[in-house]
Amino acid sequence: MTRRAARAGVYERLMLASSSEKELEIVRDLSRTYPSHVYYQQRQGPGQRSLFNVLRAYSVYDRQVRLLGASSPLVLAGCRMPFA
């Protein structure tokens, strides 16, 4: 089995996991992440939903991650989740 095959479906499995204890913190920070970027401006729009999903999946994968105000870009930049 290749590494890529082993990683297939990781994101989907994480999204099916029970809730992350960081969800409220993630929701609170969404509007502060890229506030001037049109894709993320609409409350609960596609940009914020997509960002929430990735951050939530990562917080399930790495339960020790600390999310600090508007830290989403930092989390994404240092993301160690084995995406396919």
PDB file of N, CA and C in Angstrom:
ATOM      1  N   MET A   1       0.846  -1.181   0.000  1.00  0.00           N
ATOM      2  CA  MET A   1       0.000   0.000   0.000  1.00  0.00           C
ATOM      3  C   MET A   1       0.892   1.245   0.000  1.00  0.00           C
ATOM      4  N   THR A   2       0.600   2.167  -0.880  1.00  0.00           N
ATOM      5  CA  THR A   2       1.377   3.400  -0.963  1.00  0.00           C
ATOM      6  C   THR A   2       0.964   4.363   0.146  1.00  0.00           C
ATOM      7  N   ARG A   3       1.829   5.347   0.408  1.00  0.00           N
ATOM      8  CA  ARG A   3       1.484   6.361   1.424  1.00  0.00           C
ATOM      9  C   ARG A   3       0.216   7.099   1.046  1.00  0.00           C
ATOM     10  N   ARG A   4       0.092   7.402  -0.238  1.00  0.00           N
ATOM     11  CA  ARG A   4      -1.095   8.126  -0.697  1.00  0.00           C
ATOM     12  C   ARG A   4      -2.355   7.297  -0.460  1.00  0.00           C
ATOM     13  N   ALA A   5      -2.295   6.022  -0.737  1.00  0.00           N
ATOM     14  CA  ALA A   5      -3.448   5.145  -0.513  1.00  0.00           C
ATOM     15  C   ALA A   5      -3.773   5.049   0.977  1.00  0.00           C
ATOM     16  N   ALA A   6      -2.745   5.028   1.795  1.00  0.00           N
ATOM     17  CA  ALA A   6      -2.957   4.954   3.240  1.00  0.00           C
ATOM     18  C   ALA A   6      -3.620   6.214   3.772  1.00  0.00           C
ATOM     19  N   ARG A   7      -3.349   7.351   3.123  1.00  0.00           N
ATOM     20  CA  ARG A   7      -3.917   8.635   3.571  1.00  0.00           C
ATOM     21  C   ARG A   7      -5.285   8.918   2.981  1.00  0.00           C
ATOM     22  N   ALA A   8      -5.684   8.167   2.010  1.00  0.00           N
ATOM     23  CA  ALA A   8      -6.973   8.419   1.345  1.00  0.00           C
ATOM     24  C   ALA A   8      -8.106   8.373   2.361  1.00  0.00           C
ATOM     25  N   GLY A   9      -8.930   9.379   2.334  1.00  0.00           N
ATOM     26  CA  GLY A   9     -10.107   9.418   3.193  1.00  0.00           C
ATOM     27  C   GLY A   9      -9.870   9.929   4.603  1.00  0.00           C
ATOM     28  N   VAL A  10      -8.666  10.390   4.913  1.00  0.00           N
ATOM     29  CA  VAL A  10      -8.381  10.887   6.271  1.00  0.00           C
ATOM     30  C   VAL A  10      -9.305  12.052   6.608  1.00  0.00           C
ATOM     31  N   TYR A  11      -9.377  13.028   5.716  1.00  0.00           N
ATOM     32  CA  TYR A  11     -10.219  14.209   5.958  1.00  0.00           C
ATOM     33  C   TYR A  11     -11.676  13.796   6.157  1.00  0.00           C
ATOM     34  N   GLU A  12     -12.169  12.920   5.306  1.00  0.00           N
ATOM     35  CA  GLU A  12     -13.564  12.489   5.400  1.00  0.00           C
ATOM     36  C   GLU A  12     -13.824  11.783   6.732  1.00  0.00           C
ATOM     37  N   ARG A  13     -12.895  10.937   7.172  1.00  0.00           N
ATOM     38  CA  ARG A  13     -13.080  10.245   8.455  1.00  0.00           C
ATOM     39  C   ARG A  13     -13.067  11.243   9.616  1.00  0.00           C
ATOM     40  N   LEU A  14     -12.201  12.240   9.535  1.00  0.00           N
ATOM     41  CA  LEU A  14     -12.155  13.245  10.592  1.00  0.00           C
ATOM     42  C   LEU A  14     -13.437  14.064  10.633  1.00  0.00           C
ATOM     43  N   MET A  15     -14.009  14.335   9.467  1.00  0.00           N
ATOM     44  CA  MET A  15     -15.255  15.105   9.423  1.00  0.00           C
ATOM     45  C   MET A  15     -16.431  14.303   9.992  1.00  0.00           C
ATOM     46  N   LEU A  16     -16.341  12.991   9.937  1.00  0.00           N
ATOM     47  CA  LEU A  16     -17.402  12.144  10.492  1.00  0.00           C
ATOM     48  C   LEU A  16     -17.249  11.941  11.996  1.00  0.00           C
ATOM     49  N   ALA A  17     -16.101  12.280  12.525  1.00  0.00           N
ATOM     50  CA  ALA A  17     -15.836  12.119  13.954  1.00  0.00           C
ATOM     51  C   ALA A  17     -16.785  12.996  14.751  1.00  0.00           C
ATOM     52  N   SER A  18     -16.979  12.606  15.986  1.00  0.00           N
ATOM     53  CA  SER A  18     -17.817  13.432  16.848  1.00  0.00           C
ATOM     54  C   SER A  18     -17.208  14.821  16.948  1.00  0.00           C
ATOM     55  N   SER A  19     -17.921  15.719  17.507  1.00  0.00           N
ATOM     56  CA  SER A  19     -17.511  17.123  17.498  1.00  0.00           C
ATOM     57  C   SER A  19     -16.163  17.328  18.178  1.00  0.00           C
ATOM     58  N   SER A  20     -15.543  18.407  17.779  1.00  0.00           N
ATOM     59  CA  SER A  20     -14.274  18.826  18.368  1.00  0.00           C
ATOM     60  C   SER A  20     -14.578  19.772  19.511  1.00  0.00           C
ATOM     61  N   GLU A  21     -13.797  19.687  20.555  1.00  0.00           N
ATOM     62  CA  GLU A  21     -13.999  20.614  21.676  1.00  0.00           C
ATOM     63  C   GLU A  21     -13.595  22.029  21.319  1.00  0.00           C
ATOM     64  N   LYS A  22     -12.987  22.220  20.163  1.00  0.00           N
ATOM     65  CA  LYS A  22     -12.540  23.535  19.724  1.00  0.00           C
ATOM     66  C   LYS A  22     -13.548  24.236  18.811  1.00  0.00           C
ATOM     67  N   GLU A  23     -14.686  23.616  18.535  1.00  0.00           N
ATOM     68  CA  GLU A  23     -15.627  24.171  17.560  1.00  0.00           C
ATOM     69  C   GLU A  23     -16.074  25.585  17.880  1.00  0.00           C
ATOM     70  N   LEU A  24     -16.423  25.861  19.106  1.00  0.00           N
ATOM     71  CA  LEU A  24     -16.882  27.202  19.486  1.00  0.00           C
ATOM     72  C   LEU A  24     -15.774  28.229  19.262  1.00  0.00           C
ATOM     73  N   GLU A  25     -14.563  27.853  19.611  1.00  0.00           N
ATOM     74  CA  GLU A  25     -13.414  28.737  19.413  1.00  0.00           C
ATOM     75  C   GLU A  25     -13.188  28.997  17.912  1.00  0.00           C
ATOM     76  N   ILE A  26     -13.344  27.965  17.104  1.00  0.00           N
ATOM     77  CA  ILE A  26     -13.166  28.103  15.655  1.00  0.00           C
ATOM     78  C   ILE A  26     -14.228  29.044  15.097  1.00  0.00           C
ATOM     79  N   VAL A  27     -15.478  28.842  15.468  1.00  0.00           N
ATOM     80  CA  VAL A  27     -16.578  29.682  14.974  1.00  0.00           C
ATOM     81  C   VAL A  27     -16.345  31.137  15.359  1.00  0.00           C
ATOM     82  N   ARG A  28     -15.905  31.357  16.576  1.00  0.00           N
ATOM     83  CA  ARG A  28     -15.667  32.714  17.064  1.00  0.00           C
ATOM     84  C   ARG A  28     -14.584  33.424  16.245  1.00  0.00           C
ATOM     85  N   ASP A  29     -13.606  32.677  15.763  1.00  0.00           N
ATOM     86  CA  ASP A  29     -12.478  33.272  15.038  1.00  0.00           C
ATOM     87  C   ASP A  29     -12.696  33.404  13.538  1.00  0.00           C
ATOM     88  N   LEU A  30     -13.713  32.775  12.984  1.00  0.00           N
ATOM     89  CA  LEU A  30     -13.882  32.776  11.529  1.00  0.00           C
ATOM     90  C   LEU A  30     -13.969  34.178  10.934  1.00  0.00           C
ATOM     91  N   SER A  31     -14.722  35.055  11.566  1.00  0.00           N
ATOM     92  CA  SER A  31     -14.893  36.400  10.994  1.00  0.00           C
ATOM     93  C   SER A  31     -13.613  37.230  11.093  1.00  0.00           C
ATOM     94  N   ARG A  32     -12.682  36.818  11.954  1.00  0.00           N
ATOM     95  CA  ARG A  32     -11.421  37.551  12.106  1.00  0.00           C
ATOM     96  C   ARG A  32     -10.332  37.023  11.177  1.00  0.00           C
ATOM     97  N   THR A  33     -10.628  35.963  10.474  1.00  0.00           N
ATOM     98  CA  THR A  33      -9.653  35.360   9.574  1.00  0.00           C
ATOM     99  C   THR A  33      -9.854  35.927   8.181  1.00  0.00           C
ATOM    100  N   TYR A  34      -8.852  36.532   7.638  1.00  0.00           N
ATOM    101  CA  TYR A  34      -8.920  37.164   6.320  1.00  0.00           C
ATOM    102  C   TYR A  34     -10.144  38.086   6.206  1.00  0.00           C
ATOM    103  N   PRO A  35     -10.326  39.048   7.114  1.00  0.00           N
ATOM    104  CA  PRO A  35     -11.529  39.887   7.105  1.00  0.00           C
ATOM    105  C   PRO A  35     -11.705  40.723   5.841  1.00  0.00           C
ATOM    106  N   SER A  36     -10.627  41.007   5.131  1.00  0.00           N
ATOM    107  CA  SER A  36     -10.766  41.822   3.917  1.00  0.00           C
ATOM    108  C   SER A  36     -10.848  40.983   2.644  1.00  0.00           C
ATOM    109  N   HIS A  37     -10.782  39.674   2.782  1.00  0.00           N
ATOM    110  CA  HIS A  37     -10.872  38.800   1.614  1.00  0.00           C
ATOM    111  C   HIS A  37     -12.337  38.467   1.362  1.00  0.00           C
ATOM    112  N   VAL A  38     -12.814  38.751   0.168  1.00  0.00           N
ATOM    113  CA  VAL A  38     -14.238  38.603  -0.154  1.00  0.00           C
ATOM    114  C   VAL A  38     -14.738  37.175   0.057  1.00  0.00           C
ATOM    115  N   TYR A  39     -13.905  36.179  -0.155  1.00  0.00           N
ATOM    116  CA  TYR A  39     -14.339  34.786  -0.015  1.00  0.00           C
ATOM    117  C   TYR A  39     -14.728  34.449   1.419  1.00  0.00           C
ATOM    118  N   TYR A  40     -14.128  35.125   2.398  1.00  0.00           N
ATOM    119  CA  TYR A  40     -14.386  34.809   3.800  1.00  0.00           C
ATOM    120  C   TYR A  40     -15.290  35.818   4.499  1.00  0.00           C
ATOM    121  N   GLN A  41     -15.781  36.828   3.795  1.00  0.00           N
ATOM    122  CA  GLN A  41     -16.552  37.889   4.437  1.00  0.00           C
ATOM    123  C   GLN A  41     -17.982  37.491   4.777  1.00  0.00           C
ATOM    124  N   GLN A  42     -18.609  36.691   3.964  1.00  0.00           N
ATOM    125  CA  GLN A  42     -20.014  36.336   4.192  1.00  0.00           C
ATOM    126  C   GLN A  42     -20.137  35.390   5.379  1.00  0.00           C
ATOM    127  N   ARG A  43     -20.900  35.825   6.383  1.00  0.00           N
ATOM    128  CA  ARG A  43     -21.103  35.006   7.583  1.00  0.00           C
ATOM    129  C   ARG A  43     -21.765  33.692   7.188  1.00  0.00           C
ATOM    130  N   GLN A  44     -21.137  32.595   7.562  1.00  0.00           N
ATOM    131  CA  GLN A  44     -21.580  31.242   7.237  1.00  0.00           C
ATOM    132  C   GLN A  44     -21.660  31.005   5.730  1.00  0.00           C
ATOM    133  N   GLY A  45     -20.907  31.801   4.974  1.00  0.00           N
ATOM    134  CA  GLY A  45     -20.839  31.619   3.533  1.00  0.00           C
ATOM    135  C   GLY A  45     -19.905  30.463   3.196  1.00  0.00           C
ATOM    136  N   PRO A  46     -19.707  30.204   1.921  1.00  0.00           N
ATOM    137  CA  PRO A  46     -18.891  29.059   1.516  1.00  0.00           C
ATOM    138  C   PRO A  46     -17.443  29.138   2.014  1.00  0.00           C
ATOM    139  N   GLY A  47     -16.868  30.327   2.040  1.00  0.00           N
ATOM    140  CA  GLY A  47     -15.495  30.466   2.521  1.00  0.00           C
ATOM    141  C   GLY A  47     -15.371  30.132   3.997  1.00  0.00           C
ATOM    142  N   GLN A  48     -16.259  30.701   4.802  1.00  0.00           N
ATOM    143  CA  GLN A  48     -16.218  30.436   6.241  1.00  0.00           C
ATOM    144  C   GLN A  48     -16.556  28.980   6.549  1.00  0.00           C
ATOM    145  N   ARG A  49     -17.490  28.394   5.809  1.00  0.00           N
ATOM    146  CA  ARG A  49     -17.830  26.977   6.029  1.00  0.00           C
ATOM    147  C   ARG A  49     -16.653  26.072   5.677  1.00  0.00           C
ATOM    148  N   SER A  50     -15.985  26.376   4.559  1.00  0.00           N
ATOM    149  CA  SER A  50     -14.837  25.565   4.148  1.00  0.00           C
ATOM    150  C   SER A  50     -13.707  25.667   5.172  1.00  0.00           C
ATOM    151  N   LEU A  51     -13.417  26.886   5.606  1.00  0.00           N
ATOM    152  CA  LEU A  51     -12.370  27.092   6.592  1.00  0.00           C
ATOM    153  C   LEU A  51     -12.721  26.402   7.904  1.00  0.00           C
ATOM    154  N   PHE A  52     -13.964  26.510   8.329  1.00  0.00           N
ATOM    155  CA  PHE A  52     -14.415  25.834   9.550  1.00  0.00           C
ATOM    156  C   PHE A  52     -14.184  24.331   9.435  1.00  0.00           C
ATOM    157  N   ASN A  53     -14.566  23.755   8.302  1.00  0.00           N
ATOM    158  CA  ASN A  53     -14.432  22.305   8.133  1.00  0.00           C
ATOM    159  C   ASN A  53     -12.979  21.851   8.229  1.00  0.00           C
ATOM    160  N   VAL A  54     -12.076  22.582   7.583  1.00  0.00           N
ATOM    161  CA  VAL A  54     -10.660  22.206   7.624  1.00  0.00           C
ATOM    162  C   VAL A  54     -10.110  22.354   9.040  1.00  0.00           C
ATOM    163  N   LEU A  55     -10.425  23.468   9.700  1.00  0.00           N
ATOM    164  CA  LEU A  55      -9.925  23.691  11.058  1.00  0.00           C
ATOM    165  C   LEU A  55     -10.522  22.690  12.039  1.00  0.00           C
ATOM    166  N   ARG A  56     -11.792  22.357  11.860  1.00  0.00           N
ATOM    167  CA  ARG A  56     -12.426  21.376  12.729  1.00  0.00           C
ATOM    168  C   ARG A  56     -11.778  20.014  12.542  1.00  0.00           C
ATOM    169  N   ALA A  57     -11.566  19.609  11.291  1.00  0.00           N
ATOM    170  CA  ALA A  57     -10.919  18.320  11.024  1.00  0.00           C
ATOM    171  C   ALA A  57      -9.531  18.291  11.648  1.00  0.00           C
ATOM    172  N   TYR A  58      -8.793  19.382  11.505  1.00  0.00           N
ATOM    173  CA  TYR A  58      -7.447  19.411  12.081  1.00  0.00           C
ATOM    174  C   TYR A  58      -7.494  19.358  13.602  1.00  0.00           C
ATOM    175  N   SER A  59      -8.488  20.010  14.204  1.00  0.00           N
ATOM    176  CA  SER A  59      -8.570  19.994  15.665  1.00  0.00           C
ATOM    177  C   SER A  59      -8.963  18.614  16.187  1.00  0.00           C
ATOM    178  N   VAL A  60      -9.635  17.818  15.365  1.00  0.00           N
ATOM    179  CA  VAL A  60      -9.922  16.425  15.734  1.00  0.00           C
ATOM    180  C   VAL A  60      -8.647  15.601  15.590  1.00  0.00           C
ATOM    181  N   TYR A  61      -7.897  15.851  14.516  1.00  0.00           N
ATOM    182  CA  TYR A  61      -6.658  15.120  14.251  1.00  0.00           C
ATOM    183  C   TYR A  61      -5.595  15.415  15.301  1.00  0.00           C
ATOM    184  N   ASP A  62      -5.425  16.692  15.629  1.00  0.00           N
ATOM    185  CA  ASP A  62      -4.411  17.115  16.593  1.00  0.00           C
ATOM    186  C   ASP A  62      -5.115  17.784  17.767  1.00  0.00           C
ATOM    187  N   ARG A  63      -5.505  17.011  18.739  1.00  0.00           N
ATOM    188  CA  ARG A  63      -6.300  17.516  19.861  1.00  0.00           C
ATOM    189  C   ARG A  63      -5.535  18.508  20.735  1.00  0.00           C
ATOM    190  N   GLN A  64      -4.232  18.590  20.579  1.00  0.00           N
ATOM    191  CA  GLN A  64      -3.445  19.510  21.388  1.00  0.00           C
ATOM    192  C   GLN A  64      -3.258  20.866  20.720  1.00  0.00           C
ATOM    193  N   VAL A  65      -3.809  21.028  19.512  1.00  0.00           N
ATOM    194  CA  VAL A  65      -3.641  22.292  18.805  1.00  0.00           C
ATOM    195  C   VAL A  65      -4.293  23.411  19.608  1.00  0.00           C
ATOM    196  N   ARG A  66      -3.631  24.554  19.630  1.00  0.00           N
ATOM    197  CA  ARG A  66      -4.184  25.731  20.304  1.00  0.00           C
ATOM    198  C   ARG A  66      -4.565  26.734  19.238  1.00  0.00           C
ATOM    199  N   LEU A  67      -5.814  27.119  19.237  1.00  0.00           N
ATOM    200  CA  LEU A  67      -6.300  28.106  18.277  1.00  0.00           C
ATOM    201  C   LEU A  67      -6.444  29.426  19.017  1.00  0.00           C
ATOM    202  N   LEU A  68      -5.678  30.402  18.591  1.00  0.00           N
ATOM    203  CA  LEU A  68      -5.746  31.724  19.198  1.00  0.00           C
ATOM    204  C   LEU A  68      -6.349  32.679  18.194  1.00  0.00           C
ATOM    205  N   GLY A  69      -6.987  33.728  18.632  1.00  0.00           N
ATOM    206  CA  GLY A  69      -7.672  34.667  17.774  1.00  0.00           C
ATOM    207  C   GLY A  69      -7.065  34.857  16.394  1.00  0.00           C
ATOM    208  N   ALA A  70      -7.845  34.606  15.385  1.00  0.00           N
ATOM    209  CA  ALA A  70      -7.445  34.774  13.980  1.00  0.00           C
ATOM    210  C   ALA A  70      -6.195  33.980  13.640  1.00  0.00           C
ATOM    211  N   SER A  71      -6.033  32.829  14.268  1.00  0.00           N
ATOM    212  CA  SER A  71      -4.841  32.018  14.031  1.00  0.00           C
ATOM    213  C   SER A  71      -5.016  31.017  12.907  1.00  0.00           C
ATOM    214  N   SER A  72      -6.146  31.014  12.259  1.00  0.00           N
ATOM    215  CA  SER A  72      -6.398  30.026  11.215  1.00  0.00           C
ATOM    216  C   SER A  72      -5.291  29.948  10.171  1.00  0.00           C
ATOM    217  N   PRO A  73      -4.795  31.094   9.666  1.00  0.00           N
ATOM    218  CA  PRO A  73      -3.706  30.987   8.679  1.00  0.00           C
ATOM    219  C   PRO A  73      -2.477  30.300   9.247  1.00  0.00           C
ATOM    220  N   LEU A  74      -2.196  30.525  10.523  1.00  0.00           N
ATOM    221  CA  LEU A  74      -1.034  29.891  11.143  1.00  0.00           C
ATOM    222  C   LEU A  74      -1.241  28.394  11.273  1.00  0.00           C
ATOM    223  N   VAL A  75      -2.434  27.995  11.652  1.00  0.00           N
ATOM    224  CA  VAL A  75      -2.738  26.572  11.778  1.00  0.00           C
ATOM    225  C   VAL A  75      -2.638  25.903  10.415  1.00  0.00           C
ATOM    226  N   LEU A  76      -3.198  26.546   9.400  1.00  0.00           N
ATOM    227  CA  LEU A  76      -3.162  25.956   8.067  1.00  0.00           C
ATOM    228  C   LEU A  76      -1.738  25.886   7.537  1.00  0.00           C
ATOM    229  N   ALA A  77      -0.942  26.900   7.805  1.00  0.00           N
ATOM    230  CA  ALA A  77       0.439  26.910   7.322  1.00  0.00           C
ATOM    231  C   ALA A  77       1.266  25.811   7.973  1.00  0.00           C
ATOM    232  N   GLY A  78       0.980  25.517   9.223  1.00  0.00           N
ATOM    233  CA  GLY A  78       1.737  24.498   9.934  1.00  0.00           C
ATOM    234  C   GLY A  78       1.021  23.167  10.028  1.00  0.00           C
ATOM    235  N   CYS A  79      -0.007  23.009   9.252  1.00  0.00           N
ATOM    236  CA  CYS A  79      -0.847  21.816   9.310  1.00  0.00           C
ATOM    237  C   CYS A  79      -0.021  20.563   9.014  1.00  0.00           C
ATOM    238  N   ARG A  80      -0.089  19.627   9.919  1.00  0.00           N
ATOM    239  CA  ARG A  80       0.648  18.369   9.756  1.00  0.00           C
ATOM    240  C   ARG A  80      -0.282  17.225   9.407  1.00  0.00           C
ATOM    241  N   MET A  81      -1.523  17.517   9.071  1.00  0.00           N
ATOM    242  CA  MET A  81      -2.470  16.456   8.767  1.00  0.00           C
ATOM    243  C   MET A  81      -2.110  15.846   7.411  1.00  0.00           C
ATOM    244  N   PRO A  82      -2.101  14.541   7.321  1.00  0.00           N
ATOM    245  CA  PRO A  82      -1.695  13.880   6.081  1.00  0.00           C
ATOM    246  C   PRO A  82      -2.791  13.894   5.029  1.00  0.00           C
ATOM    247  N   PHE A  83      -3.012  15.038   4.396  1.00  0.00           N
ATOM    248  CA  PHE A  83      -4.004  15.120   3.335  1.00  0.00           C
ATOM    249  C   PHE A  83      -3.547  14.291   2.155  1.00  0.00           C
ATOM    250  N   ALA A  84      -4.498  13.718   1.466  1.00  0.00           N
ATOM    251  CA  ALA A  84      -4.163  12.908   0.283  1.00  0.00           C
ATOM    252  C   ALA A  84      -3.783  13.804  -0.869  1.00  0.00           C
TER     253      ALA A  84
END
